[in-house]
Amino acid sequence: MSSPTSHVSPTPELSIPPRAPDPLSTGIKSLLDPTVKQTTEKLLQVHQSQQALSQELDRLITPTLQTIQLRVNKLYVQLSKQRLPH
């Protein structure tokens, strides 16, 4: 008699989940990436331009707003005097 052959399948290798990338390593690689560096420099330039524009707008608008406020205050005082009985 022949011995029965066992048809046991070999144990499959346990799949090792891929290792999560090291955030520090990824961050450093990103900083050294020339496209990231260029984008960062461009964003900095845009930010600085926006700040300069904001300062210029403040410089131009503030005196006008102050003038308007003074006129409104004067008109309010005049109207208040007209409404008060003498």
PDB file of N, CA and C in Angstrom:
ATOM      1  N   MET A   1       0.809  -1.177   0.000  1.00  0.00           N
ATOM      2  CA  MET A   1       0.000   0.000   0.000  1.00  0.00           C
ATOM      3  C   MET A   1       0.854   1.242   0.000  1.00  0.00           C
ATOM      4  N   SER A   2       0.383   2.162  -0.684  1.00  0.00           N
ATOM      5  CA  SER A   2       1.153   3.399  -0.697  1.00  0.00           C
ATOM      6  C   SER A   2       0.588   4.350   0.342  1.00  0.00           C
ATOM      7  N   SER A   3       1.482   5.079   0.906  1.00  0.00           N
ATOM      8  CA  SER A   3       1.020   6.012   1.942  1.00  0.00           C
ATOM      9  C   SER A   3       0.320   7.200   1.296  1.00  0.00           C
ATOM     10  N   PRO A   4      -0.732   7.621   1.898  1.00  0.00           N
ATOM     11  CA  PRO A   4      -1.453   8.755   1.301  1.00  0.00           C
ATOM     12  C   PRO A   4      -0.586  10.003   1.336  1.00  0.00           C
ATOM     13  N   THR A   5      -0.583  10.685   0.255  1.00  0.00           N
ATOM     14  CA  THR A   5       0.192  11.927   0.178  1.00  0.00           C
ATOM     15  C   THR A   5      -0.646  13.046   0.770  1.00  0.00           C
ATOM     16  N   SER A   6      -0.038  13.747   1.636  1.00  0.00           N
ATOM     17  CA  SER A   6      -0.808  14.857   2.217  1.00  0.00           C
ATOM     18  C   SER A   6      -0.690  16.065   1.300  1.00  0.00           C
ATOM     19  N   HIS A   7      -1.781  16.676   1.116  1.00  0.00           N
ATOM     20  CA  HIS A   7      -1.819  17.869   0.255  1.00  0.00           C
ATOM     21  C   HIS A   7      -1.942  19.125   1.110  1.00  0.00           C
ATOM     22  N   VAL A   8      -1.061  19.244   2.037  1.00  0.00           N
ATOM     23  CA  VAL A   8      -1.089  20.426   2.909  1.00  0.00           C
ATOM     24  C   VAL A   8      -0.373  21.549   2.180  1.00  0.00           C
ATOM     25  N   SER A   9      -1.061  22.625   2.066  1.00  0.00           N
ATOM     26  CA  SER A   9      -0.421  23.760   1.386  1.00  0.00           C
ATOM     27  C   SER A   9       0.556  24.414   2.342  1.00  0.00           C
ATOM     28  N   PRO A  10       1.648  24.909   1.807  1.00  0.00           N
ATOM     29  CA  PRO A  10       2.624  25.556   2.692  1.00  0.00           C
ATOM     30  C   PRO A  10       2.016  26.808   3.326  1.00  0.00           C
ATOM     31  N   THR A  11       2.462  27.078   4.512  1.00  0.00           N
ATOM     32  CA  THR A  11       1.951  28.263   5.221  1.00  0.00           C
ATOM     33  C   THR A  11       2.357  29.512   4.459  1.00  0.00           C
ATOM     34  N   PRO A  12       1.372  30.332   4.116  1.00  0.00           N
ATOM     35  CA  PRO A  12       1.749  31.566   3.396  1.00  0.00           C
ATOM     36  C   PRO A  12       2.538  32.488   4.310  1.00  0.00           C
ATOM     37  N   GLU A  13       3.477  33.180   3.711  1.00  0.00           N
ATOM     38  CA  GLU A  13       4.272  34.116   4.509  1.00  0.00           C
ATOM     39  C   GLU A  13       3.372  35.247   4.970  1.00  0.00           C
ATOM     40  N   LEU A  14       3.586  35.612   6.189  1.00  0.00           N
ATOM     41  CA  LEU A  14       2.788  36.727   6.695  1.00  0.00           C
ATOM     42  C   LEU A  14       3.221  37.992   5.974  1.00  0.00           C
ATOM     43  N   SER A  15       2.249  38.683   5.490  1.00  0.00           N
ATOM     44  CA  SER A  15       2.624  39.910   4.775  1.00  0.00           C
ATOM     45  C   SER A  15       2.928  40.990   5.805  1.00  0.00           C
ATOM     46  N   ILE A  16       4.039  41.618   5.613  1.00  0.00           N
ATOM     47  CA  ILE A  16       4.460  42.690   6.518  1.00  0.00           C
ATOM     48  C   ILE A  16       3.894  43.993   5.965  1.00  0.00           C
ATOM     49  N   PRO A  17       3.104  44.678   6.775  1.00  0.00           N
ATOM     50  CA  PRO A  17       2.545  45.935   6.263  1.00  0.00           C
ATOM     51  C   PRO A  17       3.667  46.924   5.969  1.00  0.00           C
ATOM     52  N   PRO A  18       3.493  47.726   4.931  1.00  0.00           N
ATOM     53  CA  PRO A  18       4.551  48.692   4.612  1.00  0.00           C
ATOM     54  C   PRO A  18       4.744  49.657   5.772  1.00  0.00           C
ATOM     55  N   ARG A  19       5.989  49.970   6.018  1.00  0.00           N
ATOM     56  CA  ARG A  19       6.322  50.870   7.115  1.00  0.00           C
ATOM     57  C   ARG A  19       5.895  52.283   6.773  1.00  0.00           C
ATOM     58  N   ALA A  20       5.317  52.942   7.736  1.00  0.00           N
ATOM     59  CA  ALA A  20       4.924  54.333   7.512  1.00  0.00           C
ATOM     60  C   ALA A  20       6.192  55.159   7.330  1.00  0.00           C
ATOM     61  N   PRO A  21       6.163  56.097   6.380  1.00  0.00           N
ATOM     62  CA  PRO A  21       7.365  56.908   6.170  1.00  0.00           C
ATOM     63  C   PRO A  21       7.656  57.771   7.397  1.00  0.00           C
ATOM     64  N   ASP A  22       8.923  57.934   7.651  1.00  0.00           N
ATOM     65  CA  ASP A  22       9.360  58.755   8.777  1.00  0.00           C
ATOM     66  C   ASP A  22       9.027  60.214   8.473  1.00  0.00           C
ATOM     67  N   PRO A  23       8.189  60.863   9.298  1.00  0.00           N
ATOM     68  CA  PRO A  23       7.786  62.243   8.983  1.00  0.00           C
ATOM     69  C   PRO A  23       8.960  63.219   8.950  1.00  0.00           C
ATOM     70  N   LEU A  24       9.940  63.012   9.811  1.00  0.00           N
ATOM     71  CA  LEU A  24      11.095  63.915   9.812  1.00  0.00           C
ATOM     72  C   LEU A  24      11.873  63.777   8.513  1.00  0.00           C
ATOM     73  N   SER A  25      12.115  62.534   8.119  1.00  0.00           N
ATOM     74  CA  SER A  25      12.841  62.283   6.871  1.00  0.00           C
ATOM     75  C   SER A  25      12.077  62.857   5.681  1.00  0.00           C
ATOM     76  N   THR A  26      10.768  62.621   5.669  1.00  0.00           N
ATOM     77  CA  THR A  26       9.941  63.135   4.576  1.00  0.00           C
ATOM     78  C   THR A  26       9.977  64.660   4.546  1.00  0.00           C
ATOM     79  N   GLY A  27       9.896  65.277   5.725  1.00  0.00           N
ATOM     80  CA  GLY A  27       9.923  66.739   5.807  1.00  0.00           C
ATOM     81  C   GLY A  27      11.232  67.319   5.305  1.00  0.00           C
ATOM     82  N   ILE A  28      12.335  66.699   5.694  1.00  0.00           N
ATOM     83  CA  ILE A  28      13.652  67.189   5.253  1.00  0.00           C
ATOM     84  C   ILE A  28      13.798  67.029   3.745  1.00  0.00           C
ATOM     85  N   LYS A  29      13.352  65.881   3.227  1.00  0.00           N
ATOM     86  CA  LYS A  29      13.420  65.678   1.774  1.00  0.00           C
ATOM     87  C   LYS A  29      12.579  66.730   1.052  1.00  0.00           C
ATOM     88  N   SER A  30      11.415  67.047   1.623  1.00  0.00           N
ATOM     89  CA  SER A  30      10.548  68.059   1.004  1.00  0.00           C
ATOM     90  C   SER A  30      11.236  69.418   0.978  1.00  0.00           C
ATOM     91  N   LEU A  31      11.878  69.760   2.092  1.00  0.00           N
ATOM     92  CA  LEU A  31      12.546  71.063   2.155  1.00  0.00           C
ATOM     93  C   LEU A  31      13.690  71.159   1.158  1.00  0.00           C
ATOM     94  N   LEU A  32      14.329  70.033   0.898  1.00  0.00           N
ATOM     95  CA  LEU A  32      15.457  70.035  -0.036  1.00  0.00           C
ATOM     96  C   LEU A  32      15.001  69.924  -1.483  1.00  0.00           C
ATOM     97  N   ASP A  33      13.739  69.610  -1.691  1.00  0.00           N
ATOM     98  CA  ASP A  33      13.196  69.497  -3.048  1.00  0.00           C
ATOM     99  C   ASP A  33      13.192  70.891  -3.675  1.00  0.00           C
ATOM    100  N   PRO A  34      13.858  71.072  -4.825  1.00  0.00           N
ATOM    101  CA  PRO A  34      13.963  72.415  -5.412  1.00  0.00           C
ATOM    102  C   PRO A  34      12.605  73.031  -5.752  1.00  0.00           C
ATOM    103  N   THR A  35      11.638  72.214  -6.154  1.00  0.00           N
ATOM    104  CA  THR A  35      10.335  72.800  -6.496  1.00  0.00           C
ATOM    105  C   THR A  35       9.643  73.329  -5.247  1.00  0.00           C
ATOM    106  N   VAL A  36       9.802  72.629  -4.123  1.00  0.00           N
ATOM    107  CA  VAL A  36       9.209  73.106  -2.869  1.00  0.00           C
ATOM    108  C   VAL A  36       9.893  74.401  -2.449  1.00  0.00           C
ATOM    109  N   LYS A  37      11.212  74.442  -2.598  1.00  0.00           N
ATOM    110  CA  LYS A  37      11.958  75.646  -2.219  1.00  0.00           C
ATOM    111  C   LYS A  37      11.514  76.832  -3.076  1.00  0.00           C
ATOM    112  N   GLN A  38      11.377  76.616  -4.373  1.00  0.00           N
ATOM    113  CA  GLN A  38      10.948  77.700  -5.266  1.00  0.00           C
ATOM    114  C   GLN A  38       9.539  78.164  -4.914  1.00  0.00           C
ATOM    115  N   THR A  39       8.653  77.218  -4.650  1.00  0.00           N
ATOM    116  CA  THR A  39       7.281  77.572  -4.294  1.00  0.00           C
ATOM    117  C   THR A  39       7.260  78.364  -2.997  1.00  0.00           C
ATOM    118  N   THR A  40       8.058  77.931  -2.025  1.00  0.00           N
ATOM    119  CA  THR A  40       8.126  78.636  -0.745  1.00  0.00           C
ATOM    120  C   THR A  40       8.632  80.059  -0.944  1.00  0.00           C
ATOM    121  N   GLU A  41       9.663  80.217  -1.775  1.00  0.00           N
ATOM    122  CA  GLU A  41      10.197  81.557  -2.037  1.00  0.00           C
ATOM    123  C   GLU A  41       9.149  82.434  -2.715  1.00  0.00           C
ATOM    124  N   LYS A  42       8.408  81.867  -3.663  1.00  0.00           N
ATOM    125  CA  LYS A  42       7.368  82.638  -4.351  1.00  0.00           C
ATOM    126  C   LYS A  42       6.261  83.035  -3.383  1.00  0.00           C
ATOM    127  N   LEU A  43       5.872  82.099  -2.511  1.00  0.00           N
ATOM    128  CA  LEU A  43       4.841  82.417  -1.524  1.00  0.00           C
ATOM    129  C   LEU A  43       5.314  83.517  -0.576  1.00  0.00           C
ATOM    130  N   LEU A  44       6.584  83.489  -0.209  1.00  0.00           N
ATOM    131  CA  LEU A  44       7.127  84.534   0.653  1.00  0.00           C
ATOM    132  C   LEU A  44       7.081  85.883  -0.057  1.00  0.00           C
ATOM    133  N   GLN A  45       7.438  85.901  -1.338  1.00  0.00           N
ATOM    134  CA  GLN A  45       7.379  87.144  -2.111  1.00  0.00           C
ATOM    135  C   GLN A  45       5.950  87.674  -2.185  1.00  0.00           C
ATOM    136  N   VAL A  46       4.991  86.784  -2.414  1.00  0.00           N
ATOM    137  CA  VAL A  46       3.584  87.196  -2.480  1.00  0.00           C
ATOM    138  C   VAL A  46       3.154  87.763  -1.132  1.00  0.00           C
ATOM    139  N   HIS A  47       3.541  87.092  -0.057  1.00  0.00           N
ATOM    140  CA  HIS A  47       3.179  87.552   1.288  1.00  0.00           C
ATOM    141  C   HIS A  47       3.761  88.942   1.560  1.00  0.00           C
ATOM    142  N   GLN A  48       5.018  89.131   1.206  1.00  0.00           N
ATOM    143  CA  GLN A  48       5.655  90.433   1.423  1.00  0.00           C
ATOM    144  C   GLN A  48       4.994  91.512   0.574  1.00  0.00           C
ATOM    145  N   SER A  49       4.611  91.171  -0.644  1.00  0.00           N
ATOM    146  CA  SER A  49       3.914  92.128  -1.509  1.00  0.00           C
ATOM    147  C   SER A  49       2.559  92.494  -0.922  1.00  0.00           C
ATOM    148  N   GLN A  50       1.859  91.508  -0.386  1.00  0.00           N
ATOM    149  CA  GLN A  50       0.559  91.776   0.232  1.00  0.00           C
ATOM    150  C   GLN A  50       0.710  92.691   1.441  1.00  0.00           C
ATOM    151  N   GLN A  51       1.753  92.475   2.224  1.00  0.00           N
ATOM    152  CA  GLN A  51       1.987  93.340   3.382  1.00  0.00           C
ATOM    153  C   GLN A  51       2.278  94.768   2.933  1.00  0.00           C
ATOM    154  N   ALA A  52       3.098  94.921   1.912  1.00  0.00           N
ATOM    155  CA  ALA A  52       3.428  96.254   1.403  1.00  0.00           C
ATOM    156  C   ALA A  52       2.177  96.932   0.857  1.00  0.00           C
ATOM    157  N   LEU A  53       1.353  96.189   0.141  1.00  0.00           N
ATOM    158  CA  LEU A  53       0.115  96.743  -0.399  1.00  0.00           C
ATOM    159  C   LEU A  53      -0.818  97.174   0.726  1.00  0.00           C
ATOM    160  N   SER A  54      -0.925  96.360   1.744  1.00  0.00           N
ATOM    161  CA  SER A  54      -1.774  96.686   2.890  1.00  0.00           C
ATOM    162  C   SER A  54      -1.302  97.972   3.565  1.00  0.00           C
ATOM    163  N   GLN A  55       0.002  98.110   3.742  1.00  0.00           N
ATOM    164  CA  GLN A  55       0.548  99.328   4.358  1.00  0.00           C
ATOM    165  C   GLN A  55       0.273 100.549   3.488  1.00  0.00           C
ATOM    166  N   GLU A  56       0.414 100.396   2.182  1.00  0.00           N
ATOM    167  CA  GLU A  56       0.169 101.514   1.268  1.00  0.00           C
ATOM    168  C   GLU A  56      -1.305 101.911   1.286  1.00  0.00           C
ATOM    169  N   LEU A  57      -2.182 100.917   1.298  1.00  0.00           N
ATOM    170  CA  LEU A  57      -3.615 101.218   1.372  1.00  0.00           C
ATOM    171  C   LEU A  57      -3.951 101.934   2.676  1.00  0.00           C
ATOM    172  N   ASP A  58      -3.384 101.475   3.774  1.00  0.00           N
ATOM    173  CA  ASP A  58      -3.601 102.161   5.057  1.00  0.00           C
ATOM    174  C   ASP A  58      -3.129 103.603   4.975  1.00  0.00           C
ATOM    175  N   ARG A  59      -1.969 103.799   4.381  1.00  0.00           N
ATOM    176  CA  ARG A  59      -1.409 105.151   4.271  1.00  0.00           C
ATOM    177  C   ARG A  59      -2.330 106.053   3.448  1.00  0.00           C
ATOM    178  N   LEU A  60      -2.914 105.506   2.380  1.00  0.00           N
ATOM    179  CA  LEU A  60      -3.771 106.306   1.508  1.00  0.00           C
ATOM    180  C   LEU A  60      -5.175 106.496   2.082  1.00  0.00           C
ATOM    181  N   ILE A  61      -5.699 105.486   2.730  1.00  0.00           N
ATOM    182  CA  ILE A  61      -7.092 105.519   3.164  1.00  0.00           C
ATOM    183  C   ILE A  61      -7.274 106.220   4.507  1.00  0.00           C
ATOM    184  N   THR A  62      -6.329 106.066   5.413  1.00  0.00           N
ATOM    185  CA  THR A  62      -6.498 106.609   6.763  1.00  0.00           C
ATOM    186  C   THR A  62      -6.812 108.103   6.769  1.00  0.00           C
ATOM    187  N   PRO A  63      -6.076 108.949   6.057  1.00  0.00           N
ATOM    188  CA  PRO A  63      -6.413 110.382   6.081  1.00  0.00           C
ATOM    189  C   PRO A  63      -7.819 110.656   5.539  1.00  0.00           C
ATOM    190  N   THR A  64      -8.208 109.938   4.515  1.00  0.00           N
ATOM    191  CA  THR A  64      -9.541 110.134   3.939  1.00  0.00           C
ATOM    192  C   THR A  64     -10.616 109.748   4.948  1.00  0.00           C
ATOM    193  N   LEU A  65     -10.423 108.631   5.615  1.00  0.00           N
ATOM    194  CA  LEU A  65     -11.392 108.204   6.626  1.00  0.00           C
ATOM    195  C   LEU A  65     -11.462 109.205   7.777  1.00  0.00           C
ATOM    196  N   GLN A  66     -10.320 109.741   8.178  1.00  0.00           N
ATOM    197  CA  GLN A  66     -10.311 110.735   9.254  1.00  0.00           C
ATOM    198  C   GLN A  66     -11.061 111.995   8.833  1.00  0.00           C
ATOM    199  N   THR A  67     -10.867 112.426   7.586  1.00  0.00           N
ATOM    200  CA  THR A  67     -11.569 113.603   7.070  1.00  0.00           C
ATOM    201  C   THR A  67     -13.074 113.364   7.065  1.00  0.00           C
ATOM    202  N   ILE A  68     -13.481 112.202   6.606  1.00  0.00           N
ATOM    203  CA  ILE A  68     -14.910 111.868   6.576  1.00  0.00           C
ATOM    204  C   ILE A  68     -15.471 111.864   7.996  1.00  0.00           C
ATOM    205  N   GLN A  69     -14.731 111.284   8.926  1.00  0.00           N
ATOM    206  CA  GLN A  69     -15.203 111.219  10.309  1.00  0.00           C
ATOM    207  C   GLN A  69     -15.359 112.620  10.899  1.00  0.00           C
ATOM    208  N   LEU A  70     -14.415 113.509  10.619  1.00  0.00           N
ATOM    209  CA  LEU A  70     -14.518 114.892  11.112  1.00  0.00           C
ATOM    210  C   LEU A  70     -15.747 115.584  10.540  1.00  0.00           C
ATOM    211  N   ARG A  71     -15.995 115.406   9.253  1.00  0.00           N
ATOM    212  CA  ARG A  71     -17.161 116.034   8.621  1.00  0.00           C
ATOM    213  C   ARG A  71     -18.463 115.504   9.217  1.00  0.00           C
ATOM    214  N   VAL A  72     -18.530 114.199   9.408  1.00  0.00           N
ATOM    215  CA  VAL A  72     -19.733 113.602   9.996  1.00  0.00           C
ATOM    216  C   VAL A  72     -19.943 114.143  11.411  1.00  0.00           C
ATOM    217  N   ASN A  73     -18.871 114.253  12.169  1.00  0.00           N
ATOM    218  CA  ASN A  73     -18.981 114.786  13.532  1.00  0.00           C
ATOM    219  C   ASN A  73     -19.486 116.228  13.518  1.00  0.00           C
ATOM    220  N   LYS A  74     -18.963 117.049  12.607  1.00  0.00           N
ATOM    221  CA  LYS A  74     -19.399 118.449  12.512  1.00  0.00           C
ATOM    222  C   LYS A  74     -20.876 118.523  12.133  1.00  0.00           C
ATOM    223  N   LEU A  75     -21.276 117.705  11.162  1.00  0.00           N
ATOM    224  CA  LEU A  75     -22.686 117.689  10.762  1.00  0.00           C
ATOM    225  C   LEU A  75     -23.572 117.245  11.916  1.00  0.00           C
ATOM    226  N   TYR A  76     -23.126 116.282  12.666  1.00  0.00           N
ATOM    227  CA  TYR A  76     -23.906 115.803  13.803  1.00  0.00           C
ATOM    228  C   TYR A  76     -24.078 116.919  14.830  1.00  0.00           C
ATOM    229  N   VAL A  77     -23.000 117.627  15.105  1.00  0.00           N
ATOM    230  CA  VAL A  77     -23.070 118.736  16.066  1.00  0.00           C
ATOM    231  C   VAL A  77     -24.022 119.809  15.551  1.00  0.00           C
ATOM    232  N   GLN A  78     -23.937 120.157  14.268  1.00  0.00           N
ATOM    233  CA  GLN A  78     -24.825 121.175  13.689  1.00  0.00           C
ATOM    234  C   GLN A  78     -26.283 120.742  13.785  1.00  0.00           C
ATOM    235  N   LEU A  79     -26.561 119.505  13.425  1.00  0.00           N
ATOM    236  CA  LEU A  79     -27.938 119.012  13.481  1.00  0.00           C
ATOM    237  C   LEU A  79     -28.442 118.954  14.920  1.00  0.00           C
ATOM    238  N   SER A  80     -27.573 118.605  15.839  1.00  0.00           N
ATOM    239  CA  SER A  80     -27.967 118.558  17.247  1.00  0.00           C
ATOM    240  C   SER A  80     -28.337 119.946  17.744  1.00  0.00           C
ATOM    241  N   LYS A  81     -27.585 120.959  17.337  1.00  0.00           N
ATOM    242  CA  LYS A  81     -27.860 122.339  17.762  1.00  0.00           C
ATOM    243  C   LYS A  81     -29.184 122.819  17.179  1.00  0.00           C
ATOM    244  N   GLN A  82     -29.477 122.433  15.960  1.00  0.00           N
ATOM    245  CA  GLN A  82     -30.724 122.858  15.321  1.00  0.00           C
ATOM    246  C   GLN A  82     -31.936 122.229  16.005  1.00  0.00           C
ATOM    247  N   ARG A  83     -31.808 121.057  16.508  1.00  0.00           N
ATOM    248  CA  ARG A  83     -32.941 120.360  17.124  1.00  0.00           C
ATOM    249  C   ARG A  83     -33.184 120.819  18.557  1.00  0.00           C
ATOM    250  N   LEU A  84     -32.153 121.287  19.210  1.00  0.00           N
ATOM    251  CA  LEU A  84     -32.321 121.729  20.597  1.00  0.00           C
ATOM    252  C   LEU A  84     -33.056 123.063  20.632  1.00  0.00           C
ATOM    253  N   PRO A  85     -34.023 123.190  21.525  1.00  0.00           N
ATOM    254  CA  PRO A  85     -34.692 124.494  21.634  1.00  0.00           C
ATOM    255  C   PRO A  85     -33.754 125.510  22.285  1.00  0.00           C
ATOM    256  N   HIS A  86     -33.821 126.734  21.796  1.00  0.00           N
ATOM    257  CA  HIS A  86     -32.924 127.783  22.310  1.00  0.00           C
ATOM    258  C   HIS A  86     -33.518 128.430  23.513  1.00  0.00           C
TER     259      HIS A  86
END
